[in-house]
Amino acid sequence: MKILVTNDDGIGASGIQALRRELRQLDGVTVDLIAPDSNRSASARSITTRSPLTVEEVEFDDGDLGHATDGTPVDCVRFAEVGLLGERPDLIVSGINHGLNLGDDVTYSGTVAAAFEGVVLGIPAIAVSQQSREMEMDYGPRRDYDFDLGARFTAAVVKELAEHPLPEGTLLNINVPGGQPDGVEVTRLGKRLYRDELELVDGSDPGSGRRTYRIYGYEPGLDDEPGTDVGAIARSRLTVTPLHLDLTHHGSIEGLRQRDFERVLEGSLG
């Protein structure tokens, strides 16, 4: 099995290095690593289309090699798809992210976006995110992470998927609590209650016509609904959530077909 490891925290991040070291111990597995050269958190599914991308080979402390690019996490997966490292990967493993990716976070996360790109390309994928030891639920930068359990659990999931593959078009979004997990829960996405505020940054000069604001980074609340990833993490349970990219609201199709959009079009044509 050929695995591509990537992330959005950058190639030097502790999470991706812990994951790389654990996966390379699996029998019959080849691990390739392509990651951004610096932090690309919250880059979502952005790609680089207006400029060429640079790639640099990087040697790690244990002698393994990886590749750093000035592109996004999705660009990293595309590099593997188009042959930068030879054959396309059999599995994408993205992470381990420094911080949780729960509920609505998955639409912003570069870590989850890289896994989604695997699904787009027909490659099974896993995204893995880790809460810090402080058990935070917000997005403030933290330094105190223990990635050992998350890396071991991910490696065990990889072995499980080798024997029992995921349904086509599905990725697994894994979130690991900061303390000792009180079990594992297969969940659906929950609801993050974002609390963005408009805060004028000190030193901003309104008299010049230019203002500097902070609107992100405040601790979100959570809807502690049973069966959700948000609620499970709040109870220190490791979560596994299956995701797919079909955004169609299938239940609305028949109702919309009953509407006279032909008349709307005729009126639009004048």
Protein backbone atom coordinates (compact mmCIF):
# COMPACT_ATOMS: atom_id res chain seq x y z
CA MET A 1 0.00 0.00 0.00
CA LYS A 2 1.29 3.43 -0.96
CA ILE A 3 0.21 6.17 1.47
CA LEU A 4 0.48 9.91 0.95
CA VAL A 5 0.79 11.85 4.21
CA THR A 6 0.02 15.57 4.16
CA ASN A 7 -1.37 18.30 6.43
CA ASP A 8 -2.11 22.02 6.68
CA ASP A 9 0.19 22.89 9.62
CA GLY A 10 3.33 22.58 7.53
CA ILE A 11 5.97 19.94 6.93
CA GLY A 12 7.82 20.65 10.16
CA ALA A 13 4.76 20.29 12.39
CA SER A 14 4.99 17.74 15.21
CA GLY A 15 1.67 16.13 14.28
CA ILE A 16 2.62 15.13 10.75
CA GLN A 17 6.00 13.86 11.92
CA ALA A 18 4.43 11.64 14.59
CA LEU A 19 2.02 10.27 11.99
CA ARG A 20 4.78 9.64 9.44
CA ARG A 21 6.92 7.74 11.94
CA GLU A 22 4.01 5.53 13.02
CA LEU A 23 2.75 4.71 9.53
CA ARG A 24 6.20 3.78 8.22
CA GLN A 25 6.29 0.91 10.73
CA LEU A 26 3.34 -0.84 9.06
CA ASP A 27 4.22 -3.94 7.06
CA GLY A 28 3.75 -3.65 3.33
CA VAL A 29 3.34 0.13 3.44
CA THR A 30 5.29 2.82 1.60
CA VAL A 31 4.90 6.31 3.06
CA ASP A 32 5.37 9.43 0.95
CA LEU A 33 5.07 12.90 2.41
CA ILE A 34 4.16 16.08 0.57
CA ALA A 35 3.17 19.01 2.76
CA PRO A 36 3.06 22.81 2.70
CA ASP A 37 6.35 24.50 3.54
CA SER A 38 4.60 26.59 6.22
CA ASN A 39 1.28 26.78 8.03
CA ARG A 40 -1.79 26.78 5.75
CA SER A 41 -4.45 26.30 8.43
CA ALA A 42 -8.05 27.18 7.45
CA SER A 43 -7.11 27.20 3.76
CA ALA A 44 -10.05 24.87 3.02
CA ARG A 45 -10.13 23.57 -0.58
CA SER A 46 -8.11 26.40 -2.09
CA ILE A 47 -5.73 25.60 -4.94
CA THR A 48 -2.93 27.55 -6.62
CA THR A 49 -3.80 28.39 -10.22
CA ARG A 50 -2.14 31.72 -10.96
CA SER A 51 1.51 30.91 -10.35
CA PRO A 52 3.89 27.94 -10.60
CA LEU A 53 4.54 25.91 -7.46
CA THR A 54 7.94 25.19 -5.98
CA VAL A 55 8.85 21.82 -4.44
CA GLU A 56 11.87 21.11 -2.25
CA GLU A 57 13.12 17.76 -0.99
CA VAL A 58 13.53 17.79 2.79
CA GLU A 59 15.48 15.30 4.92
CA PHE A 60 14.12 14.59 8.38
CA ASP A 61 16.13 13.81 11.51
CA ASP A 62 15.73 10.05 11.03
CA GLY A 63 16.96 10.15 7.43
CA ASP A 64 13.54 9.88 5.76
CA LEU A 65 12.76 12.26 2.93
CA GLY A 66 9.71 14.41 2.29
CA HIS A 67 8.70 17.16 -0.08
CA ALA A 68 7.73 20.71 0.88
CA THR A 69 5.76 22.97 -1.43
CA ASP A 70 4.58 26.56 -1.32
CA GLY A 71 1.14 25.30 -2.34
CA THR A 72 -1.95 24.38 -0.35
CA PRO A 73 -2.90 21.02 1.18
CA VAL A 74 -5.07 20.28 -1.87
CA ASP A 75 -2.11 21.11 -4.12
CA CYS A 76 -0.09 18.51 -2.19
CA VAL A 77 -2.60 15.79 -3.03
CA ARG A 78 -2.72 16.92 -6.66
CA PHE A 79 1.07 16.66 -6.86
CA ALA A 80 0.81 13.01 -5.84
CA GLU A 81 -2.00 12.41 -8.32
CA VAL A 82 -0.09 13.81 -11.30
CA GLY A 83 3.02 11.76 -10.61
CA LEU A 84 5.49 13.80 -8.56
CA LEU A 85 6.41 10.65 -6.62
CA GLY A 86 5.67 8.05 -9.26
CA GLU A 87 2.53 5.97 -8.90
CA ARG A 88 -0.57 7.55 -7.39
CA PRO A 89 -1.21 6.75 -3.72
CA ASP A 90 -3.64 4.10 -2.53
CA LEU A 91 -4.60 6.13 0.53
CA ILE A 92 -4.43 9.76 1.68
CA VAL A 93 -3.81 10.38 5.39
CA SER A 94 -3.98 14.06 6.35
CA GLY A 95 -2.86 15.28 9.77
CA ILE A 96 -2.34 15.05 12.58
CA ASN A 97 -3.83 18.53 12.82
CA HIS A 98 -2.88 20.73 15.76
CA GLY A 99 -6.40 21.34 17.05
CA LEU A 100 -9.82 19.77 16.52
CA ASN A 101 -11.85 19.76 13.31
CA LEU A 102 -15.43 19.24 14.42
CA GLY A 103 -18.81 19.99 12.88
CA ASP A 104 -18.74 23.02 10.61
CA ASP A 105 -14.94 23.22 10.98
CA VAL A 106 -14.60 20.63 8.22
CA THR A 107 -15.65 23.23 5.63
CA TYR A 108 -12.73 25.50 6.60
CA SER A 109 -10.03 22.98 7.44
CA GLY A 110 -7.09 22.46 5.11
CA THR A 111 -6.46 19.12 6.81
CA VAL A 112 -9.93 17.84 5.96
CA ALA A 113 -9.76 19.46 2.51
CA ALA A 114 -6.74 17.33 1.59
CA ALA A 115 -8.70 14.22 2.52
CA PHE A 116 -11.67 15.47 0.50
CA GLU A 117 -9.36 15.82 -2.49
CA GLY A 118 -8.58 12.15 -2.21
CA VAL A 119 -12.30 11.41 -2.42
CA VAL A 120 -12.59 13.66 -5.49
CA LEU A 121 -9.80 11.67 -7.14
CA GLY A 122 -11.23 8.30 -6.15
CA ILE A 123 -8.63 7.65 -3.45
CA PRO A 124 -9.71 6.60 0.07
CA ALA A 125 -8.77 9.15 2.72
CA ILE A 126 -8.48 9.82 6.43
CA ALA A 127 -8.25 13.19 8.19
CA VAL A 128 -6.93 13.22 11.78
CA SER A 129 -7.06 16.09 14.28
CA GLN A 130 -5.84 16.32 17.88
CA GLN A 131 -7.02 18.33 20.87
CA SER A 132 -4.26 19.72 23.08
CA ARG A 133 -3.62 18.62 26.65
CA GLU A 134 -5.51 21.75 27.75
CA MET A 135 -8.71 20.18 26.36
CA GLU A 136 -9.58 23.38 24.48
CA MET A 137 -12.53 23.70 22.13
CA ASP A 138 -11.36 26.92 20.46
CA TYR A 139 -8.72 27.67 17.79
CA GLY A 140 -6.09 29.46 19.83
CA PRO A 141 -2.52 28.28 19.18
CA ARG A 142 -1.35 25.59 21.60
CA ARG A 143 2.03 23.94 22.10
CA ASP A 144 1.27 21.08 24.43
CA TYR A 145 0.08 18.17 22.29
CA ASP A 146 0.57 14.45 22.67
CA PHE A 147 0.23 12.86 19.24
CA ASP A 148 1.25 9.32 20.20
CA LEU A 149 -2.22 7.87 20.67
CA GLY A 150 -3.63 9.61 17.60
CA ALA A 151 -0.79 8.27 15.46
CA ARG A 152 -1.18 4.72 16.78
CA PHE A 153 -4.95 4.77 16.39
CA THR A 154 -4.63 6.06 12.82
CA ALA A 155 -2.14 3.35 11.92
CA ALA A 156 -4.54 0.74 13.33
CA VAL A 157 -7.38 2.25 11.25
CA VAL A 158 -5.20 2.02 8.15
CA LYS A 159 -4.71 -1.70 8.81
CA GLU A 160 -8.46 -2.08 9.33
CA LEU A 161 -9.25 -0.33 6.03
CA ALA A 162 -6.78 -2.56 4.18
CA GLU A 163 -9.01 -5.49 5.11
CA HIS A 164 -12.37 -3.71 5.07
CA PRO A 165 -12.27 -0.73 2.65
CA LEU A 166 -14.46 2.32 3.02
CA PRO A 167 -17.50 2.76 0.77
CA GLU A 168 -16.61 4.60 -2.43
CA GLY A 169 -16.57 8.37 -2.06
CA THR A 170 -16.19 8.29 1.73
CA LEU A 171 -13.49 9.65 4.02
CA LEU A 172 -13.06 9.26 7.77
CA ASN A 173 -12.70 12.37 9.92
CA ILE A 174 -11.01 11.40 13.21
CA ASN A 175 -10.77 13.68 16.25
CA VAL A 176 -8.69 12.68 19.26
CA PRO A 177 -9.35 14.21 22.71
CA GLY A 178 -6.48 15.74 24.64
CA GLY A 179 -6.73 13.42 27.63
CA GLN A 180 -7.23 9.69 27.95
CA PRO A 181 -10.20 8.86 25.67
CA ASP A 182 -13.30 7.46 27.31
CA GLY A 183 -13.90 5.13 24.36
CA VAL A 184 -14.56 5.63 20.64
CA GLU A 185 -17.78 6.89 19.10
CA VAL A 186 -18.86 6.79 15.45
CA THR A 187 -20.67 10.09 15.00
CA ARG A 188 -22.29 12.52 12.63
CA LEU A 189 -21.13 16.12 12.32
CA GLY A 190 -22.31 18.37 15.10
CA LYS A 191 -22.91 22.11 15.23
CA ARG A 192 -20.23 24.60 16.18
CA LEU A 193 -21.68 27.82 17.65
CA TYR A 194 -19.22 30.41 16.36
CA ARG A 195 -18.93 33.62 18.37
CA ASP A 196 -17.17 35.97 16.00
CA GLU A 197 -16.82 39.56 17.19
CA LEU A 198 -15.82 42.84 15.59
CA GLU A 199 -12.84 44.11 17.58
CA LEU A 200 -10.81 47.16 16.58
CA VAL A 201 -7.14 46.30 17.07
CA ASP A 202 -5.09 48.57 19.32
CA GLY A 203 -2.99 50.97 17.29
CA SER A 204 -5.47 51.15 14.44
CA ASP A 205 -5.75 54.69 13.07
CA PRO A 206 -9.37 55.44 12.09
CA GLY A 207 -8.31 58.99 11.20
CA SER A 208 -6.29 57.65 8.27
CA GLY A 209 -9.31 55.85 6.83
CA ARG A 210 -7.61 52.52 7.44
CA ARG A 211 -8.79 50.30 10.28
CA THR A 212 -7.53 46.93 11.48
CA TYR A 213 -10.01 44.47 12.98
CA ARG A 214 -9.99 41.05 14.56
CA ILE A 215 -13.12 38.98 13.90
CA TYR A 216 -11.97 35.36 14.42
CA GLY A 217 -10.37 33.36 17.19
CA TYR A 218 -12.98 33.58 19.92
CA GLU A 219 -13.99 30.40 21.70
CA PRO A 220 -17.04 28.84 20.04
CA GLY A 221 -19.84 27.24 21.95
CA LEU A 222 -21.15 23.80 21.16
CA ASP A 223 -24.45 22.08 20.67
CA ASP A 224 -24.00 19.02 22.86
CA GLU A 225 -26.39 16.82 20.90
CA PRO A 226 -26.07 13.05 21.37
CA GLY A 227 -24.50 11.24 18.42
CA THR A 228 -22.45 14.20 17.21
CA ASP A 229 -18.68 14.62 17.07
CA VAL A 230 -18.92 17.88 19.01
CA GLY A 231 -20.85 16.30 21.86
CA ALA A 232 -18.65 13.20 21.97
CA ILE A 233 -15.40 15.18 22.18
CA ALA A 234 -16.90 17.28 24.98
CA ARG A 235 -17.23 13.97 26.86
CA SER A 236 -13.62 12.99 26.04
CA ARG A 237 -14.53 10.35 23.48
CA LEU A 238 -12.46 9.77 20.36
CA THR A 239 -14.67 10.33 17.31
CA VAL A 240 -14.80 8.74 13.86
CA THR A 241 -17.10 10.50 11.39
CA PRO A 242 -17.74 9.35 7.79
CA LEU A 243 -17.92 12.25 5.33
CA HIS A 244 -18.68 12.58 1.63
CA LEU A 245 -18.87 15.41 -0.90
CA ASP A 246 -22.41 15.08 -2.24
CA LEU A 247 -23.85 18.48 -1.28
CA THR A 248 -27.09 17.96 -3.16
CA HIS A 249 -30.22 18.29 -0.99
CA HIS A 250 -31.96 15.32 -2.56
CA GLY A 251 -35.18 15.87 -0.63
CA SER A 252 -35.75 19.22 -2.35
CA ILE A 253 -35.36 18.03 -5.95
CA GLU A 254 -38.94 16.86 -6.57
CA GLY A 255 -40.43 19.95 -4.96
CA LEU A 256 -38.30 22.24 -7.10
CA ARG A 257 -39.28 20.32 -10.23
CA GLN A 258 -42.88 21.31 -9.56
CA ARG A 259 -41.98 24.98 -9.86
CA ASP A 260 -42.30 26.74 -13.19
CA PHE A 261 -38.70 27.67 -13.81
CA GLU A 262 -39.40 27.76 -17.56
CA ARG A 263 -41.65 30.78 -16.88
CA VAL A 264 -38.88 32.32 -14.76
CA LEU A 265 -36.45 31.86 -17.62
CA GLU A 266 -38.83 33.41 -20.14
CA GLY A 267 -39.29 36.41 -17.91
CA SER A 268 -35.53 36.74 -17.51
CA LEU A 269 -35.05 36.79 -21.29
CA GLY A 270 -37.27 39.89 -21.49
